[in-house]
Amino acid sequence: MADNVVRVCAQSDIAPESVKAYEVGDRRLAVYNIDGQFYVTDDECTHASASLADGMLEDGVIECCLHFGAFDVKTGAVKAPPCSIALRTYKVLLQGGDIFVDLDKDAAGEAA
């Protein structure tokens, strides 16, 4: 694996249609299980310091519990104000029942 690929958790740790936060080095990441697919974003809302893992996940959109701004989990795109800055996504790699992320690439595999 690449130098900046790190293990986050086991796939079995993330229940279907849920989100959970993990400390990975100096980052706090949110891991989502949506329809059996795993996604990883930064856990902190881009609008204010709030954990997205404490928010509501519905139809691939995470809503922040603090001011109710929302993001598309797959792309990081803003879906509702007051958020205006897209959410950072990460490329997910599944191996041996575990979830890994490439900290240098976004969900689309592009350099971040």
N, C-alpha and C. Protein backbone atom coordinates (compact mmCIF):
# COMPACT_ATOMS: atom_id res chain seq x y z
N MET A 1 0.83 -1.20 0.00
CA MET A 1 0.00 0.00 0.00
C MET A 1 0.87 1.25 0.00
N ALA A 2 0.27 2.33 -0.43
CA ALA A 2 0.99 3.61 -0.49
C ALA A 2 1.34 4.07 0.93
N ASP A 3 2.29 4.99 1.00
CA ASP A 3 2.78 5.47 2.30
C ASP A 3 1.71 6.11 3.16
N ASN A 4 0.77 6.78 2.54
CA ASN A 4 -0.22 7.51 3.32
C ASN A 4 -1.57 6.80 3.38
N VAL A 5 -1.56 5.48 3.21
CA VAL A 5 -2.76 4.67 3.37
C VAL A 5 -2.75 4.12 4.80
N VAL A 6 -3.84 4.40 5.53
CA VAL A 6 -3.92 4.00 6.93
C VAL A 6 -5.21 3.25 7.22
N ARG A 7 -5.14 2.33 8.18
CA ARG A 7 -6.32 1.60 8.61
C ARG A 7 -7.15 2.50 9.52
N VAL A 8 -8.47 2.48 9.29
CA VAL A 8 -9.37 3.27 10.13
C VAL A 8 -10.10 2.37 11.12
N CYS A 9 -10.73 1.30 10.61
CA CYS A 9 -11.52 0.42 11.46
C CYS A 9 -11.89 -0.84 10.68
N ALA A 10 -12.59 -1.75 11.35
CA ALA A 10 -13.13 -2.93 10.68
C ALA A 10 -14.45 -2.56 10.01
N GLN A 11 -14.73 -3.18 8.88
CA GLN A 11 -16.01 -2.93 8.20
C GLN A 11 -17.18 -3.24 9.13
N SER A 12 -17.03 -4.28 9.95
CA SER A 12 -18.11 -4.69 10.85
C SER A 12 -18.38 -3.67 11.97
N ASP A 13 -17.48 -2.70 12.15
CA ASP A 13 -17.68 -1.67 13.17
C ASP A 13 -18.72 -0.63 12.77
N ILE A 14 -19.03 -0.56 11.47
CA ILE A 14 -19.95 0.48 10.98
C ILE A 14 -21.26 -0.19 10.55
N ALA A 15 -22.28 -0.01 11.36
CA ALA A 15 -23.58 -0.60 11.06
C ALA A 15 -24.16 -0.01 9.78
N PRO A 16 -25.00 -0.76 9.08
CA PRO A 16 -25.63 -0.22 7.86
C PRO A 16 -26.37 1.08 8.15
N GLU A 17 -26.23 2.01 7.20
CA GLU A 17 -26.91 3.32 7.26
C GLU A 17 -26.52 4.08 8.52
N SER A 18 -25.22 4.05 8.86
CA SER A 18 -24.77 4.78 10.04
C SER A 18 -23.43 5.46 9.77
N VAL A 19 -23.00 6.25 10.73
CA VAL A 19 -21.72 6.98 10.66
C VAL A 19 -21.07 6.91 12.02
N LYS A 20 -19.74 6.82 12.02
CA LYS A 20 -18.99 6.75 13.27
C LYS A 20 -17.67 7.49 13.08
N ALA A 21 -17.21 8.19 14.11
CA ALA A 21 -15.97 8.97 14.02
C ALA A 21 -14.79 8.19 14.61
N TYR A 22 -13.61 8.41 14.01
CA TYR A 22 -12.37 7.77 14.45
C TYR A 22 -11.22 8.77 14.41
N GLU A 23 -10.33 8.66 15.39
CA GLU A 23 -9.08 9.42 15.38
C GLU A 23 -8.08 8.64 14.56
N VAL A 24 -7.51 9.27 13.54
CA VAL A 24 -6.49 8.64 12.70
C VAL A 24 -5.32 9.61 12.62
N GLY A 25 -4.28 9.32 13.38
CA GLY A 25 -3.17 10.26 13.47
C GLY A 25 -3.66 11.57 14.04
N ASP A 26 -3.40 12.66 13.32
CA ASP A 26 -3.85 13.98 13.79
C ASP A 26 -5.19 14.39 13.19
N ARG A 27 -5.86 13.44 12.56
CA ARG A 27 -7.16 13.74 11.93
C ARG A 27 -8.29 13.00 12.64
N ARG A 28 -9.47 13.58 12.56
CA ARG A 28 -10.69 12.92 13.03
C ARG A 28 -11.54 12.70 11.79
N LEU A 29 -11.80 11.43 11.49
CA LEU A 29 -12.53 11.06 10.28
C LEU A 29 -13.89 10.47 10.61
N ALA A 30 -14.84 10.70 9.72
CA ALA A 30 -16.16 10.09 9.82
C ALA A 30 -16.24 8.98 8.78
N VAL A 31 -16.66 7.79 9.21
CA VAL A 31 -16.81 6.63 8.33
C VAL A 31 -18.29 6.31 8.22
N TYR A 32 -18.75 6.17 6.97
CA TYR A 32 -20.17 5.95 6.69
C TYR A 32 -20.36 4.60 6.00
N ASN A 33 -21.48 3.95 6.31
CA ASN A 33 -21.90 2.74 5.61
C ASN A 33 -23.26 3.06 4.99
N ILE A 34 -23.26 3.22 3.66
CA ILE A 34 -24.49 3.58 2.95
C ILE A 34 -24.75 2.51 1.90
N ASP A 35 -25.82 1.77 2.08
CA ASP A 35 -26.17 0.68 1.15
C ASP A 35 -25.01 -0.29 0.96
N GLY A 36 -24.26 -0.57 2.04
CA GLY A 36 -23.16 -1.52 1.98
C GLY A 36 -21.88 -0.97 1.39
N GLN A 37 -21.87 0.31 1.01
CA GLN A 37 -20.66 0.98 0.51
C GLN A 37 -20.12 1.88 1.61
N PHE A 38 -18.79 1.93 1.71
CA PHE A 38 -18.16 2.72 2.76
C PHE A 38 -17.58 4.00 2.18
N TYR A 39 -17.74 5.08 2.94
CA TYR A 39 -17.25 6.40 2.55
C TYR A 39 -16.56 7.00 3.77
N VAL A 40 -15.56 7.86 3.53
CA VAL A 40 -14.85 8.52 4.63
C VAL A 40 -14.71 10.01 4.29
N THR A 41 -15.01 10.85 5.26
CA THR A 41 -14.85 12.30 5.14
C THR A 41 -14.17 12.81 6.41
N ASP A 42 -13.78 14.08 6.39
CA ASP A 42 -13.40 14.71 7.65
C ASP A 42 -14.64 14.68 8.54
N ASP A 43 -14.43 14.59 9.85
CA ASP A 43 -15.57 14.54 10.76
C ASP A 43 -16.08 15.92 11.14
N GLU A 44 -15.23 16.93 11.03
CA GLU A 44 -15.63 18.27 11.47
C GLU A 44 -16.36 19.02 10.36
N CYS A 45 -17.51 19.56 10.71
CA CYS A 45 -18.28 20.39 9.78
C CYS A 45 -17.42 21.57 9.33
N THR A 46 -17.52 21.94 8.06
CA THR A 46 -16.73 23.06 7.54
C THR A 46 -17.29 24.42 7.97
N HIS A 47 -18.48 24.44 8.54
CA HIS A 47 -19.10 25.69 8.97
C HIS A 47 -18.73 26.05 10.41
N ALA A 48 -18.75 25.06 11.29
CA ALA A 48 -18.45 25.30 12.70
C ALA A 48 -17.90 24.01 13.30
N SER A 49 -17.24 24.13 14.42
CA SER A 49 -16.62 22.96 15.04
C SER A 49 -17.68 22.05 15.65
N ALA A 50 -18.15 21.10 14.85
CA ALA A 50 -19.11 20.11 15.31
C ALA A 50 -18.80 18.79 14.62
N SER A 51 -18.99 17.70 15.33
CA SER A 51 -18.75 16.37 14.77
C SER A 51 -19.91 15.96 13.87
N LEU A 52 -19.59 15.65 12.62
CA LEU A 52 -20.63 15.18 11.71
C LEU A 52 -21.15 13.82 12.13
N ALA A 53 -20.33 13.02 12.82
CA ALA A 53 -20.79 11.71 13.28
C ALA A 53 -21.92 11.83 14.29
N ASP A 54 -22.09 13.02 14.88
CA ASP A 54 -23.20 13.26 15.79
C ASP A 54 -24.46 13.73 15.05
N GLY A 55 -24.34 13.90 13.73
CA GLY A 55 -25.46 14.40 12.94
C GLY A 55 -26.38 13.29 12.45
N MET A 56 -27.27 13.66 11.55
CA MET A 56 -28.25 12.72 11.01
C MET A 56 -27.85 12.33 9.59
N LEU A 57 -27.76 11.04 9.34
CA LEU A 57 -27.44 10.51 8.01
C LEU A 57 -28.71 9.99 7.37
N GLU A 58 -29.01 10.53 6.18
CA GLU A 58 -30.20 10.09 5.46
C GLU A 58 -29.99 10.25 3.96
N ASP A 59 -30.22 9.17 3.22
CA ASP A 59 -30.11 9.17 1.75
C ASP A 59 -28.77 9.71 1.26
N GLY A 60 -27.67 9.33 1.94
CA GLY A 60 -26.35 9.74 1.50
C GLY A 60 -25.97 11.16 1.84
N VAL A 61 -26.78 11.81 2.68
CA VAL A 61 -26.50 13.19 3.10
C VAL A 61 -26.34 13.20 4.62
N ILE A 62 -25.26 13.84 5.08
CA ILE A 62 -25.05 14.00 6.51
C ILE A 62 -25.42 15.42 6.90
N GLU A 63 -26.27 15.55 7.92
CA GLU A 63 -26.70 16.86 8.41
C GLU A 63 -26.01 17.13 9.73
N CYS A 64 -25.36 18.26 9.83
CA CYS A 64 -24.67 18.67 11.04
C CYS A 64 -25.68 18.94 12.15
N CYS A 65 -25.37 18.47 13.34
CA CYS A 65 -26.30 18.64 14.47
C CYS A 65 -26.29 20.06 15.05
N LEU A 66 -25.29 20.86 14.70
CA LEU A 66 -25.17 22.19 15.32
C LEU A 66 -26.03 23.25 14.63
N HIS A 67 -25.89 23.40 13.31
CA HIS A 67 -26.65 24.43 12.58
C HIS A 67 -27.44 23.84 11.41
N PHE A 68 -27.44 22.52 11.28
CA PHE A 68 -28.25 21.80 10.28
C PHE A 68 -27.81 21.99 8.84
N GLY A 69 -26.57 22.43 8.64
CA GLY A 69 -26.00 22.41 7.31
C GLY A 69 -25.82 20.95 6.91
N ALA A 70 -25.66 20.68 5.61
CA ALA A 70 -25.59 19.29 5.17
C ALA A 70 -24.63 19.13 3.99
N PHE A 71 -24.11 17.89 3.87
CA PHE A 71 -23.14 17.55 2.83
C PHE A 71 -23.50 16.22 2.18
N ASP A 72 -23.18 16.09 0.90
CA ASP A 72 -23.26 14.81 0.21
C ASP A 72 -22.04 14.00 0.66
N VAL A 73 -22.28 12.85 1.26
CA VAL A 73 -21.19 12.04 1.81
C VAL A 73 -20.25 11.54 0.71
N LYS A 74 -20.77 11.21 -0.46
CA LYS A 74 -19.97 10.63 -1.54
C LYS A 74 -19.03 11.65 -2.18
N THR A 75 -19.49 12.90 -2.31
CA THR A 75 -18.71 13.91 -3.03
C THR A 75 -18.19 15.03 -2.13
N GLY A 76 -18.78 15.19 -0.97
CA GLY A 76 -18.42 16.30 -0.08
C GLY A 76 -19.13 17.60 -0.41
N ALA A 77 -19.95 17.59 -1.46
CA ALA A 77 -20.65 18.81 -1.89
C ALA A 77 -21.61 19.31 -0.81
N VAL A 78 -21.69 20.63 -0.69
CA VAL A 78 -22.63 21.25 0.24
C VAL A 78 -24.05 21.02 -0.27
N LYS A 79 -24.93 20.58 0.63
CA LYS A 79 -26.33 20.34 0.28
C LYS A 79 -27.29 21.29 0.96
N ALA A 80 -26.83 21.95 2.04
CA ALA A 80 -27.72 22.88 2.75
C ALA A 80 -26.89 23.91 3.51
N PRO A 81 -27.34 25.19 3.49
CA PRO A 81 -26.67 26.21 4.27
C PRO A 81 -26.91 25.97 5.77
N PRO A 82 -26.11 26.55 6.64
CA PRO A 82 -25.18 27.64 6.40
C PRO A 82 -23.82 27.19 5.85
N CYS A 83 -23.64 25.91 5.62
CA CYS A 83 -22.36 25.45 5.07
C CYS A 83 -22.15 26.02 3.68
N SER A 84 -20.89 26.39 3.38
CA SER A 84 -20.58 26.92 2.05
C SER A 84 -19.30 26.32 1.49
N ILE A 85 -18.53 25.64 2.33
CA ILE A 85 -17.27 25.02 1.92
C ILE A 85 -17.46 23.52 1.87
N ALA A 86 -17.08 22.91 0.76
CA ALA A 86 -17.24 21.47 0.59
C ALA A 86 -16.48 20.70 1.66
N LEU A 87 -16.96 19.52 1.96
CA LEU A 87 -16.37 18.63 2.95
C LEU A 87 -15.28 17.79 2.30
N ARG A 88 -14.16 17.60 2.96
CA ARG A 88 -13.05 16.79 2.43
C ARG A 88 -13.43 15.31 2.47
N THR A 89 -13.29 14.64 1.33
CA THR A 89 -13.53 13.20 1.24
C THR A 89 -12.20 12.48 1.07
N TYR A 90 -12.21 11.17 1.30
CA TYR A 90 -11.01 10.35 1.18
C TYR A 90 -11.28 9.11 0.36
N LYS A 91 -10.27 8.66 -0.38
CA LYS A 91 -10.37 7.42 -1.13
C LYS A 91 -10.36 6.25 -0.14
N VAL A 92 -11.37 5.38 -0.27
CA VAL A 92 -11.52 4.23 0.61
C VAL A 92 -10.98 2.98 -0.07
N LEU A 93 -10.25 2.19 0.70
CA LEU A 93 -9.74 0.90 0.23
C LEU A 93 -10.19 -0.15 1.23
N LEU A 94 -10.78 -1.23 0.74
CA LEU A 94 -11.23 -2.32 1.60
C LEU A 94 -10.27 -3.48 1.45
N GLN A 95 -9.82 -4.03 2.58
CA GLN A 95 -8.90 -5.15 2.52
C GLN A 95 -9.06 -5.99 3.78
N GLY A 96 -9.28 -7.30 3.59
CA GLY A 96 -9.34 -8.22 4.72
C GLY A 96 -10.36 -7.86 5.78
N GLY A 97 -11.48 -7.30 5.40
CA GLY A 97 -12.51 -6.92 6.36
C GLY A 97 -12.28 -5.59 7.04
N ASP A 98 -11.22 -4.88 6.64
CA ASP A 98 -10.91 -3.59 7.24
C ASP A 98 -11.14 -2.46 6.24
N ILE A 99 -11.29 -1.25 6.80
CA ILE A 99 -11.44 -0.04 6.00
C ILE A 99 -10.15 0.76 6.13
N PHE A 100 -9.53 1.06 4.99
CA PHE A 100 -8.35 1.89 4.92
C PHE A 100 -8.69 3.15 4.13
N VAL A 101 -7.96 4.24 4.37
CA VAL A 101 -8.12 5.44 3.56
C VAL A 101 -6.75 5.89 3.07
N ASP A 102 -6.77 6.49 1.89
CA ASP A 102 -5.58 7.12 1.34
C ASP A 102 -5.69 8.60 1.69
N LEU A 103 -4.87 9.06 2.62
CA LEU A 103 -4.96 10.44 3.11
C LEU A 103 -4.53 11.46 2.07
N ASP A 104 -3.93 11.00 0.97
CA ASP A 104 -3.48 11.91 -0.09
C ASP A 104 -4.46 12.02 -1.24
N LYS A 105 -5.54 11.22 -1.25
CA LYS A 105 -6.48 11.23 -2.37
C LYS A 105 -7.91 11.41 -1.89
N ASP A 106 -8.70 12.11 -2.71
CA ASP A 106 -10.11 12.28 -2.38
C ASP A 106 -10.90 11.06 -2.85
N ALA A 107 -12.20 11.06 -2.61
CA ALA A 107 -13.04 9.91 -2.91
C ALA A 107 -12.97 9.51 -4.38
N ALA A 108 -12.73 10.46 -5.26
CA ALA A 108 -12.65 10.17 -6.70
C ALA A 108 -11.27 9.66 -7.09
N GLY A 109 -10.33 9.61 -6.14
CA GLY A 109 -8.98 9.13 -6.43
C GLY A 109 -8.04 10.21 -6.90
N GLU A 110 -8.49 11.45 -6.85
CA GLU A 110 -7.67 12.59 -7.27
C GLU A 110 -6.78 13.04 -6.11
N ALA A 111 -5.62 13.59 -6.43
CA ALA A 111 -4.74 14.11 -5.40
C ALA A 111 -5.46 15.24 -4.64
N ALA A 112 -5.33 15.20 -3.33
CA ALA A 112 -6.04 16.19 -2.51
C ALA A 112 -5.20 17.43 -2.29
